[in-house]
PDB file of N, CA and C in Angstrom:
ATOM      1  N   MET A   1      -4.746  10.061  -6.261  1.00  0.00           N
ATOM      2  CA  MET A   1      -5.294   9.515  -5.048  1.00  0.00           C
ATOM      3  C   MET A   1      -6.633   8.872  -5.356  1.00  0.00           C
ATOM      4  N   ARG A   2      -6.900   7.803  -4.633  1.00  0.00           N
ATOM      5  CA  ARG A   2      -8.150   7.069  -4.795  1.00  0.00           C
ATOM      6  C   ARG A   2      -8.611   6.565  -3.439  1.00  0.00           C
ATOM      7  N   THR A   3      -9.894   6.296  -3.341  1.00  0.00           N
ATOM      8  CA  THR A   3     -10.384   5.601  -2.160  1.00  0.00           C
ATOM      9  C   THR A   3     -10.417   4.120  -2.492  1.00  0.00           C
ATOM     10  N   ALA A   4     -10.195   3.301  -1.489  1.00  0.00           N
ATOM     11  CA  ALA A   4     -10.156   1.856  -1.685  1.00  0.00           C
ATOM     12  C   ALA A   4     -10.570   1.166  -0.394  1.00  0.00           C
ATOM     13  N   ILE A   5     -10.854  -0.117  -0.506  1.00  0.00           N
ATOM     14  CA  ILE A   5     -11.179  -0.960   0.640  1.00  0.00           C
ATOM     15  C   ILE A   5     -10.056  -1.977   0.799  1.00  0.00           C
ATOM     16  N   ILE A   6      -9.589  -2.162   2.019  1.00  0.00           N
ATOM     17  CA  ILE A   6      -8.556  -3.159   2.289  1.00  0.00           C
ATOM     18  C   ILE A   6      -9.219  -4.532   2.279  1.00  0.00           C
ATOM     19  N   THR A   7      -8.741  -5.424   1.402  1.00  0.00           N
ATOM     20  CA  THR A   7      -9.365  -6.740   1.254  1.00  0.00           C
ATOM     21  C   THR A   7      -8.458  -7.892   1.652  1.00  0.00           C
ATOM     22  N   GLY A   8      -7.194  -7.625   1.948  1.00  0.00           N
ATOM     23  CA  GLY A   8      -6.317  -8.722   2.333  1.00  0.00           C
ATOM     24  C   GLY A   8      -4.935  -8.267   2.726  1.00  0.00           C
ATOM     25  N   TYR A   9      -4.182  -9.225   3.229  1.00  0.00           N
ATOM     26  CA  TYR A   9      -2.790  -9.008   3.621  1.00  0.00           C
ATOM     27  C   TYR A   9      -1.873  -9.695   2.618  1.00  0.00           C
ATOM     28  N   VAL A  10      -0.690  -9.161   2.432  1.00  0.00           N
ATOM     29  CA  VAL A  10       0.291  -9.772   1.539  1.00  0.00           C
ATOM     30  C   VAL A  10       1.334 -10.470   2.410  1.00  0.00           C
ATOM     31  N   THR A  11       1.591 -11.733   2.121  1.00  0.00           N
ATOM     32  CA  THR A  11       2.618 -12.494   2.824  1.00  0.00           C
ATOM     33  C   THR A  11       3.692 -12.858   1.812  1.00  0.00           C
ATOM     34  N   SER A  12       4.937 -12.591   2.163  1.00  0.00           N
ATOM     35  CA  SER A  12       6.021 -12.857   1.230  1.00  0.00           C
ATOM     36  C   SER A  12       7.233 -13.382   1.990  1.00  0.00           C
ATOM     37  N   THR A  13       7.830 -14.436   1.466  1.00  0.00           N
ATOM     38  CA  THR A  13       9.043 -14.954   2.084  1.00  0.00           C
ATOM     39  C   THR A  13      10.278 -14.262   1.524  1.00  0.00           C
ATOM     40  N   VAL A  14      10.149 -13.732   0.310  1.00  0.00           N
ATOM     41  CA  VAL A  14      11.257 -13.004  -0.311  1.00  0.00           C
ATOM     42  C   VAL A  14      10.703 -11.682  -0.834  1.00  0.00           C
ATOM     43  N   LYS A  15      11.316 -10.583  -0.429  1.00  0.00           N
ATOM     44  CA  LYS A  15      10.903  -9.281  -0.927  1.00  0.00           C
ATOM     45  C   LYS A  15      12.098  -8.343  -0.909  1.00  0.00           C
ATOM     46  N   HIS A  16      11.949  -7.211  -1.551  1.00  0.00           N
ATOM     47  CA  HIS A  16      13.028  -6.229  -1.610  1.00  0.00           C
ATOM     48  C   HIS A  16      13.426  -5.839  -0.197  1.00  0.00           C
ATOM     49  N   ARG A  17      14.694  -5.649   0.028  1.00  0.00           N
ATOM     50  CA  ARG A  17      15.200  -5.361   1.384  1.00  0.00           C
ATOM     51  C   ARG A  17      14.577  -4.116   1.990  1.00  0.00           C
ATOM     52  N   SER A  18      14.176  -3.157   1.169  1.00  0.00           N
ATOM     53  CA  SER A  18      13.576  -1.924   1.689  1.00  0.00           C
ATOM     54  C   SER A  18      12.174  -2.160   2.258  1.00  0.00           C
ATOM     55  N   LEU A  19      11.532  -3.261   1.881  1.00  0.00           N
ATOM     56  CA  LEU A  19      10.173  -3.540   2.343  1.00  0.00           C
ATOM     57  C   LEU A  19      10.130  -4.466   3.547  1.00  0.00           C
ATOM     58  N   GLU A  20      11.262  -4.978   3.971  1.00  0.00           N
ATOM     59  CA  GLU A  20      11.297  -5.862   5.138  1.00  0.00           C
ATOM     60  C   GLU A  20      10.856  -5.097   6.380  1.00  0.00           C
ATOM     61  N   GLY A  21       9.943  -5.706   7.121  1.00  0.00           N
ATOM     62  CA  GLY A  21       9.445  -5.080   8.333  1.00  0.00           C
ATOM     63  C   GLY A  21       8.271  -4.138   8.123  1.00  0.00           C
ATOM     64  N   HIS A  22       7.832  -3.960   6.887  1.00  0.00           N
ATOM     65  CA  HIS A  22       6.699  -3.075   6.586  1.00  0.00           C
ATOM     66  C   HIS A  22       5.484  -3.903   6.198  1.00  0.00           C
ATOM     67  N   ARG A  23       4.296  -3.402   6.541  1.00  0.00           N
ATOM     68  CA  ARG A  23       3.048  -4.091   6.205  1.00  0.00           C
ATOM     69  C   ARG A  23       2.657  -3.800   4.766  1.00  0.00           C
ATOM     70  N   LEU A  24       2.303  -4.850   4.059  1.00  0.00           N
ATOM     71  CA  LEU A  24       1.794  -4.725   2.702  1.00  0.00           C
ATOM     72  C   LEU A  24       0.373  -5.276   2.687  1.00  0.00           C
ATOM     73  N   LEU A  25      -0.548  -4.513   2.116  1.00  0.00           N
ATOM     74  CA  LEU A  25      -1.955  -4.887   2.078  1.00  0.00           C
ATOM     75  C   LEU A  25      -2.479  -4.882   0.648  1.00  0.00           C
ATOM     76  N   ILE A  26      -3.614  -5.543   0.451  1.00  0.00           N
ATOM     77  CA  ILE A  26      -4.281  -5.528  -0.846  1.00  0.00           C
ATOM     78  C   ILE A  26      -5.437  -4.544  -0.752  1.00  0.00           C
ATOM     79  N   ALA A  27      -5.467  -3.568  -1.655  1.00  0.00           N
ATOM     80  CA  ALA A  27      -6.514  -2.553  -1.668  1.00  0.00           C
ATOM     81  C   ALA A  27      -7.250  -2.609  -2.999  1.00  0.00           C
ATOM     82  N   GLU A  28      -8.577  -2.655  -2.928  1.00  0.00           N
ATOM     83  CA  GLU A  28      -9.409  -2.681  -4.133  1.00  0.00           C
ATOM     84  C   GLU A  28     -10.238  -1.412  -4.210  1.00  0.00           C
ATOM     85  N   THR A  29     -10.190  -0.763  -5.377  1.00  0.00           N
ATOM     86  CA  THR A  29     -10.997   0.438  -5.582  1.00  0.00           C
ATOM     87  C   THR A  29     -12.389   0.032  -6.064  1.00  0.00           C
ATOM     88  N   GLU A  30     -13.303   0.978  -6.074  1.00  0.00           N
ATOM     89  CA  GLU A  30     -14.661   0.706  -6.547  1.00  0.00           C
ATOM     90  C   GLU A  30     -14.746   0.731  -8.060  1.00  0.00           C
ATOM     91  N   SER A  31     -13.701   1.194  -8.726  1.00  0.00           N
ATOM     92  CA  SER A  31     -13.679   1.284 -10.179  1.00  0.00           C
ATOM     93  C   SER A  31     -13.331  -0.084 -10.783  1.00  0.00           C
ATOM     94  N   PRO A  32     -14.163  -0.621 -11.667  1.00  0.00           N
ATOM     95  CA  PRO A  32     -13.902  -1.942 -12.239  1.00  0.00           C
ATOM     96  C   PRO A  32     -12.697  -1.978 -13.188  1.00  0.00           C
ATOM     97  N   ASP A  33     -12.256  -0.828 -13.691  1.00  0.00           N
ATOM     98  CA  ASP A  33     -11.135  -0.813 -14.628  1.00  0.00           C
ATOM     99  C   ASP A  33      -9.777  -0.730 -13.932  1.00  0.00           C
ATOM    100  N   VAL A  34      -9.759  -0.649 -12.603  1.00  0.00           N
ATOM    101  CA  VAL A  34      -8.501  -0.574 -11.847  1.00  0.00           C
ATOM    102  C   VAL A  34      -8.318  -1.872 -11.075  1.00  0.00           C
ATOM    103  N   PRO A  35      -7.230  -2.604 -11.342  1.00  0.00           N
ATOM    104  CA  PRO A  35      -7.011  -3.866 -10.620  1.00  0.00           C
ATOM    105  C   PRO A  35      -6.640  -3.609  -9.159  1.00  0.00           C
ATOM    106  N   PRO A  36      -6.755  -4.623  -8.300  1.00  0.00           N
ATOM    107  CA  PRO A  36      -6.331  -4.468  -6.907  1.00  0.00           C
ATOM    108  C   PRO A  36      -4.850  -4.079  -6.847  1.00  0.00           C
ATOM    109  N   GLN A  37      -4.502  -3.278  -5.851  1.00  0.00           N
ATOM    110  CA  GLN A  37      -3.126  -2.802  -5.696  1.00  0.00           C
ATOM    111  C   GLN A  37      -2.531  -3.320  -4.396  1.00  0.00           C
ATOM    112  N   ILE A  38      -1.235  -3.580  -4.411  1.00  0.00           N
ATOM    113  CA  ILE A  38      -0.506  -3.867  -3.182  1.00  0.00           C
ATOM    114  C   ILE A  38      -0.019  -2.529  -2.671  1.00  0.00           C
ATOM    115  N   VAL A  39      -0.395  -2.198  -1.430  1.00  0.00           N
ATOM    116  CA  VAL A  39      -0.070  -0.888  -0.870  1.00  0.00           C
ATOM    117  C   VAL A  39       0.766  -1.031   0.391  1.00  0.00           C
ATOM    118  N   LEU A  40       1.641  -0.087   0.590  1.00  0.00           N
ATOM    119  CA  LEU A  40       2.468   0.005   1.785  1.00  0.00           C
ATOM    120  C   LEU A  40       1.632   0.686   2.864  1.00  0.00           C
ATOM    121  N   ASP A  41       1.548   0.075   4.045  1.00  0.00           N
ATOM    122  CA  ASP A  41       0.710   0.626   5.117  1.00  0.00           C
ATOM    123  C   ASP A  41       1.546   0.936   6.339  1.00  0.00           C
ATOM    124  N   THR A  42       1.617   2.205   6.705  1.00  0.00           N
ATOM    125  CA  THR A  42       2.308   2.608   7.928  1.00  0.00           C
ATOM    126  C   THR A  42       1.325   3.108   8.979  1.00  0.00           C
ATOM    127  N   LEU A  43       0.016   3.098   8.650  1.00  0.00           N
ATOM    128  CA  LEU A  43      -0.999   3.643   9.549  1.00  0.00           C
ATOM    129  C   LEU A  43      -1.763   2.591  10.337  1.00  0.00           C
ATOM    130  N   GLY A  44      -1.669   1.331   9.943  1.00  0.00           N
ATOM    131  CA  GLY A  44      -2.358   0.269  10.666  1.00  0.00           C
ATOM    132  C   GLY A  44      -3.782   0.024  10.208  1.00  0.00           C
ATOM    133  N   ALA A  45      -4.039   0.128   8.920  1.00  0.00           N
ATOM    134  CA  ALA A  45      -5.376  -0.140   8.381  1.00  0.00           C
ATOM    135  C   ALA A  45      -5.736  -1.609   8.578  1.00  0.00           C
ATOM    136  N   ALA A  46      -7.022  -1.870   8.779  1.00  0.00           N
ATOM    137  CA  ALA A  46      -7.502  -3.231   9.007  1.00  0.00           C
ATOM    138  C   ALA A  46      -8.339  -3.707   7.828  1.00  0.00           C
ATOM    139  N   LEU A  47      -8.613  -5.002   7.790  1.00  0.00           N
ATOM    140  CA  LEU A  47      -9.461  -5.569   6.744  1.00  0.00           C
ATOM    141  C   LEU A  47     -10.821  -4.893   6.748  1.00  0.00           C
ATOM    142  N   GLY A  48     -11.307  -4.564   5.564  1.00  0.00           N
ATOM    143  CA  GLY A  48     -12.615  -3.958   5.417  1.00  0.00           C
ATOM    144  C   GLY A  48     -12.649  -2.453   5.599  1.00  0.00           C
ATOM    145  N   GLN A  49     -11.554  -1.843   6.010  1.00  0.00           N
ATOM    146  CA  GLN A  49     -11.546  -0.402   6.205  1.00  0.00           C
ATOM    147  C   GLN A  49     -11.406   0.328   4.877  1.00  0.00           C
ATOM    148  N   LYS A  50     -12.050   1.488   4.804  1.00  0.00           N
ATOM    149  CA  LYS A  50     -11.942   2.347   3.640  1.00  0.00           C
ATOM    150  C   LYS A  50     -10.735   3.257   3.853  1.00  0.00           C
ATOM    151  N   VAL A  51      -9.868   3.325   2.849  1.00  0.00           N
ATOM    152  CA  VAL A  51      -8.632   4.097   2.964  1.00  0.00           C
ATOM    153  C   VAL A  51      -8.436   4.989   1.749  1.00  0.00           C
ATOM    154  N   LEU A  52      -7.563   5.942   1.895  1.00  0.00           N
ATOM    155  CA  LEU A  52      -7.134   6.800   0.797  1.00  0.00           C
ATOM    156  C   LEU A  52      -5.751   6.315   0.386  1.00  0.00           C
ATOM    157  N   ILE A  53      -5.585   5.941  -0.899  1.00  0.00           N
ATOM    158  CA  ILE A  53      -4.294   5.439  -1.367  1.00  0.00           C
ATOM    159  C   ILE A  53      -3.737   6.377  -2.435  1.00  0.00           C
ATOM    160  N   SER A  54      -2.421   6.356  -2.560  1.00  0.00           N
ATOM    161  CA  SER A  54      -1.756   7.219  -3.534  1.00  0.00           C
ATOM    162  C   SER A  54      -0.739   6.405  -4.314  1.00  0.00           C
ATOM    163  N   SER A  55      -0.575   6.768  -5.580  1.00  0.00           N
ATOM    164  CA  SER A  55       0.417   6.090  -6.418  1.00  0.00           C
ATOM    165  C   SER A  55       1.708   6.898  -6.527  1.00  0.00           C
ATOM    166  N   ASP A  56       1.879   7.864  -5.646  1.00  0.00           N
ATOM    167  CA  ASP A  56       3.081   8.691  -5.646  1.00  0.00           C
ATOM    168  C   ASP A  56       4.242   7.871  -5.078  1.00  0.00           C
ATOM    169  N   GLY A  57       5.042   7.310  -5.946  1.00  0.00           N
ATOM    170  CA  GLY A  57       6.151   6.456  -5.531  1.00  0.00           C
ATOM    171  C   GLY A  57       7.192   7.163  -4.689  1.00  0.00           C
ATOM    172  N   SER A  58       7.385   8.459  -4.905  1.00  0.00           N
ATOM    173  CA  SER A  58       8.407   9.166  -4.131  1.00  0.00           C
ATOM    174  C   SER A  58       8.022   9.221  -2.655  1.00  0.00           C
ATOM    175  N   GLU A  59       6.738   9.368  -2.355  1.00  0.00           N
ATOM    176  CA  GLU A  59       6.297   9.367  -0.951  1.00  0.00           C
ATOM    177  C   GLU A  59       6.423   7.980  -0.343  1.00  0.00           C
ATOM    178  N   ALA A  60       6.090   6.944  -1.106  1.00  0.00           N
ATOM    179  CA  ALA A  60       6.224   5.575  -0.606  1.00  0.00           C
ATOM    180  C   ALA A  60       7.689   5.259  -0.320  1.00  0.00           C
ATOM    181  N   ARG A  61       8.580   5.715  -1.180  1.00  0.00           N
ATOM    182  CA  ARG A  61      10.012   5.460  -0.958  1.00  0.00           C
ATOM    183  C   ARG A  61      10.532   6.224   0.261  1.00  0.00           C
ATOM    184  N   LYS A  62       9.947   7.391   0.543  1.00  0.00           N
ATOM    185  CA  LYS A  62      10.313   8.119   1.761  1.00  0.00           C
ATOM    186  C   LYS A  62       9.866   7.354   3.002  1.00  0.00           C
ATOM    187  N   MET A  63       8.719   6.677   2.913  1.00  0.00           N
ATOM    188  CA  MET A  63       8.207   5.907   4.051  1.00  0.00           C
ATOM    189  C   MET A  63       9.144   4.769   4.431  1.00  0.00           C
ATOM    190  N   VAL A  64       9.779   4.160   3.418  1.00  0.00           N
ATOM    191  CA  VAL A  64      10.696   3.047   3.702  1.00  0.00           C
ATOM    192  C   VAL A  64      12.145   3.513   3.775  1.00  0.00           C
ATOM    193  N   ASN A  65      12.358   4.810   3.567  1.00  0.00           N
ATOM    194  CA  ASN A  65      13.688   5.421   3.684  1.00  0.00           C
ATOM    195  C   ASN A  65      14.705   4.791   2.736  1.00  0.00           C
ATOM    196  N   ASP A  66      14.283   4.589   1.474  1.00  0.00           N
ATOM    197  CA  ASP A  66      15.173   4.009   0.459  1.00  0.00           C
ATOM    198  C   ASP A  66      14.747   4.528  -0.914  1.00  0.00           C
ATOM    199  N   GLU A  67      15.561   5.347  -1.533  1.00  0.00           N
ATOM    200  CA  GLU A  67      15.233   5.938  -2.842  1.00  0.00           C
ATOM    201  C   GLU A  67      15.231   4.922  -3.982  1.00  0.00           C
ATOM    202  N   LEU A  68      15.770   3.729  -3.759  1.00  0.00           N
ATOM    203  CA  LEU A  68      15.793   2.706  -4.802  1.00  0.00           C
ATOM    204  C   LEU A  68      14.716   1.638  -4.598  1.00  0.00           C
ATOM    205  N   SER A  69      13.829   1.859  -3.646  1.00  0.00           N
ATOM    206  CA  SER A  69      12.781   0.889  -3.338  1.00  0.00           C
ATOM    207  C   SER A  69      11.774   0.790  -4.489  1.00  0.00           C
ATOM    208  N   PRO A  70      11.218  -0.412  -4.728  1.00  0.00           N
ATOM    209  CA  PRO A  70      10.197  -0.567  -5.755  1.00  0.00           C
ATOM    210  C   PRO A  70       8.808  -0.132  -5.279  1.00  0.00           C
ATOM    211  N   ALA A  71       8.694   0.356  -4.048  1.00  0.00           N
ATOM    212  CA  ALA A  71       7.390   0.761  -3.498  1.00  0.00           C
ATOM    213  C   ALA A  71       6.796   1.889  -4.339  1.00  0.00           C
ATOM    214  N   ARG A  72       5.485   1.769  -4.619  1.00  0.00           N
ATOM    215  CA  ARG A  72       4.809   2.815  -5.373  1.00  0.00           C
ATOM    216  C   ARG A  72       3.529   3.259  -4.685  1.00  0.00           C
ATOM    217  N   TRP A  73       2.629   2.340  -4.369  1.00  0.00           N
ATOM    218  CA  TRP A  73       1.350   2.668  -3.752  1.00  0.00           C
ATOM    219  C   TRP A  73       1.476   2.673  -2.235  1.00  0.00           C
ATOM    220  N   SER A  74       0.781   3.604  -1.587  1.00  0.00           N
ATOM    221  CA  SER A  74       0.819   3.678  -0.129  1.00  0.00           C
ATOM    222  C   SER A  74      -0.520   4.173   0.408  1.00  0.00           C
ATOM    223  N   VAL A  75      -0.783   3.834   1.676  1.00  0.00           N
ATOM    224  CA  VAL A  75      -1.984   4.300   2.363  1.00  0.00           C
ATOM    225  C   VAL A  75      -1.673   5.671   2.942  1.00  0.00           C
ATOM    226  N   LEU A  76      -2.474   6.680   2.570  1.00  0.00           N
ATOM    227  CA  LEU A  76      -2.273   8.031   3.074  1.00  0.00           C
ATOM    228  C   LEU A  76      -3.200   8.369   4.229  1.00  0.00           C
ATOM    229  N   GLY A  77      -4.318   7.676   4.320  1.00  0.00           N
ATOM    230  CA  GLY A  77      -5.262   7.963   5.395  1.00  0.00           C
ATOM    231  C   GLY A  77      -6.324   6.889   5.500  1.00  0.00           C
ATOM    232  N   ILE A  78      -6.904   6.787   6.699  1.00  0.00           N
ATOM    233  CA  ILE A  78      -8.008   5.867   6.944  1.00  0.00           C
ATOM    234  C   ILE A  78      -9.275   6.716   7.049  1.00  0.00           C
ATOM    235  N   ILE A  79     -10.269   6.341   6.252  1.00  0.00           N
ATOM    236  CA  ILE A  79     -11.508   7.131   6.207  1.00  0.00           C
ATOM    237  C   ILE A  79     -12.521   6.557   7.195  1.00  0.00           C
TER     238      ILE A  79
END
């Protein structure tokens, strides 16, 4: 788990079927060695908000209800 700031929205015309209808955001951590991550958001985080993100793919796949989903990062809480 890491804290991050939401810096943008992801727009995609083609994506995995399990991600259709779900919000994808760009989250940047304060650590310079970690690149920005695309995160699955089910909580409604807004631009500039500080969030708690997790790389636990099994939880992200539960959020989209598909065990074969490529989802890995997800928003666990808004700080």
